[in-house]
């Protein structure tokens, strides 16, 4: 179970939310099913954070992509903890799930992400 009442999901940006892994790419297309699954996770009560290695100057591009794809409103923070966890003072934010294309077996796709999270968090 999560630290707070609802699970916190830290979502990587490049290659996970946005198609393409090249940092300097101006591609604004989302990964397949990203928008639908992000909305479903939000509607289920998940708390979403964008967690990216992008520097402060390029965070505006992240916000622009999220806004243009109509999903910015689903994310509480970008590279910050949710308000209830402000005591956590490290560069790595707290999350119950880290959704990233660079995990050990690669990004499984948004439908599989949804399946894994719902299986683990909402089984009861």
Protein backbone atom coordinates (compact mmCIF):
# COMPACT_ATOMS: atom_id res chain seq x y z
CA UNK A 1 0.00 0.00 0.00
CA UNK A 2 1.11 3.54 -0.55
CA UNK A 3 2.50 5.95 2.02
CA UNK A 4 -0.48 8.26 1.55
CA UNK A 5 -4.07 7.20 0.98
CA UNK A 6 -3.72 7.06 -2.82
CA UNK A 7 -0.66 5.90 -4.77
CA UNK A 8 1.81 8.45 -6.09
CA UNK A 9 3.10 7.80 -9.60
CA UNK A 10 6.29 9.46 -10.83
CA UNK A 11 6.20 9.47 -14.64
CA UNK A 12 9.28 10.08 -16.75
CA UNK A 13 8.78 12.46 -19.67
CA UNK A 14 11.03 11.57 -22.64
CA UNK A 15 10.24 8.11 -23.98
CA UNK A 16 7.46 7.52 -21.46
CA UNK A 17 4.95 10.37 -21.71
CA UNK A 18 6.36 11.92 -24.90
CA UNK A 19 7.39 9.87 -27.93
CA UNK A 20 11.09 9.98 -28.53
CA UNK A 21 14.04 9.81 -26.20
CA UNK A 22 16.15 12.58 -27.69
CA UNK A 23 16.29 15.44 -25.23
CA UNK A 24 16.62 18.10 -27.94
CA UNK A 25 13.74 16.80 -30.07
CA UNK A 26 10.76 19.14 -30.49
CA UNK A 27 8.36 16.24 -30.99
CA UNK A 28 5.17 16.88 -29.00
CA UNK A 29 3.41 13.57 -29.68
CA UNK A 30 2.47 11.43 -26.71
CA UNK A 31 3.24 7.74 -26.41
CA UNK A 32 0.37 5.50 -27.56
CA UNK A 33 -2.49 5.38 -25.04
CA UNK A 34 -0.69 7.81 -22.72
CA UNK A 35 -3.49 10.37 -22.55
CA UNK A 36 -6.21 7.78 -21.98
CA UNK A 37 -4.31 5.90 -19.28
CA UNK A 38 -3.12 9.05 -17.48
CA UNK A 39 -6.75 10.19 -17.27
CA UNK A 40 -7.91 6.74 -16.06
CA UNK A 41 -5.21 6.65 -13.37
CA UNK A 42 -6.14 10.17 -12.25
CA UNK A 43 -9.85 9.26 -12.17
CA UNK A 44 -8.99 6.22 -10.01
CA UNK A 45 -7.37 8.56 -7.49
CA UNK A 46 -3.70 8.15 -8.37
CA UNK A 47 -1.55 11.20 -7.73
CA UNK A 48 0.69 11.98 -10.69
CA UNK A 49 4.06 13.71 -10.86
CA UNK A 50 6.26 14.30 -13.89
CA UNK A 51 9.74 13.16 -12.91
CA UNK A 52 12.36 14.12 -15.47
CA UNK A 53 16.07 14.83 -15.64
CA UNK A 54 15.39 17.91 -17.75
CA UNK A 55 16.83 21.12 -16.34
CA UNK A 56 14.76 24.10 -15.24
CA UNK A 57 15.14 25.86 -18.60
CA UNK A 58 13.51 22.98 -20.47
CA UNK A 59 10.66 22.40 -18.01
CA UNK A 60 8.64 24.96 -19.98
CA UNK A 61 8.75 22.57 -22.96
CA UNK A 62 7.44 19.77 -20.72
CA UNK A 63 4.55 21.97 -19.57
CA UNK A 64 3.87 23.04 -23.16
CA UNK A 65 3.64 19.43 -24.37
CA UNK A 66 1.38 18.43 -21.48
CA UNK A 67 -0.86 21.46 -22.00
CA UNK A 68 -1.11 21.05 -25.79
CA UNK A 69 -2.07 17.40 -25.29
CA UNK A 70 -4.62 18.36 -22.60
CA UNK A 71 -3.07 16.37 -19.73
CA UNK A 72 -1.25 19.05 -17.71
CA UNK A 73 -4.17 19.25 -15.27
CA UNK A 74 -3.65 15.62 -14.19
CA UNK A 75 -0.15 16.23 -12.81
CA UNK A 76 0.26 17.76 -9.36
CA UNK A 77 3.95 18.53 -9.65
CA UNK A 78 6.95 18.46 -11.94
CA UNK A 79 10.17 17.26 -10.27
CA UNK A 80 8.71 17.97 -6.82
CA UNK A 81 7.03 15.89 -4.15
CA UNK A 82 3.32 16.20 -3.52
CA UNK A 83 2.57 18.80 -0.85
CA UNK A 84 2.15 16.27 1.98
CA UNK A 85 5.73 15.02 1.54
CA UNK A 86 7.65 18.27 1.70
CA UNK A 87 9.90 16.86 4.45
CA UNK A 88 11.54 14.56 1.89
CA UNK A 89 14.69 16.56 1.05
CA UNK A 90 16.51 14.58 -1.62
CA UNK A 91 16.79 15.02 -5.39
CA UNK A 92 14.75 11.87 -5.89
CA UNK A 93 11.08 12.37 -5.22
CA UNK A 94 8.92 9.94 -3.27
CA UNK A 95 6.59 7.75 -5.33
CA UNK A 96 4.92 4.38 -4.98
CA UNK A 97 5.58 3.65 -8.66
CA UNK A 98 8.27 5.05 -10.97
CA UNK A 99 7.14 4.80 -14.58
CA UNK A 100 10.18 5.09 -16.82
CA UNK A 101 11.41 3.80 -20.19
CA UNK A 102 14.86 3.12 -18.72
CA UNK A 103 13.87 0.49 -16.18
CA UNK A 104 15.42 -2.96 -16.36
CA UNK A 105 13.11 -4.35 -19.03
CA UNK A 106 12.12 -1.15 -20.84
CA UNK A 107 8.81 0.67 -20.93
CA UNK A 108 5.97 -1.87 -21.26
CA UNK A 109 3.46 0.65 -22.68
CA UNK A 110 0.66 2.54 -20.96
CA UNK A 111 -1.98 -0.23 -21.06
CA UNK A 112 0.42 -2.58 -19.22
CA UNK A 113 1.33 0.19 -16.74
CA UNK A 114 -2.36 0.59 -15.93
CA UNK A 115 -2.79 -3.16 -15.51
CA UNK A 116 0.18 -3.42 -13.12
CA UNK A 117 -0.88 -0.48 -10.96
CA UNK A 118 -4.51 -1.56 -10.72
CA UNK A 119 -3.47 -5.11 -9.87
CA UNK A 120 -1.17 -4.02 -7.06
CA UNK A 121 -3.10 -1.07 -5.59
CA UNK A 122 -6.76 -1.83 -6.01
CA UNK A 123 -6.96 -5.60 -5.71
CA UNK A 124 -9.12 -5.57 -2.58
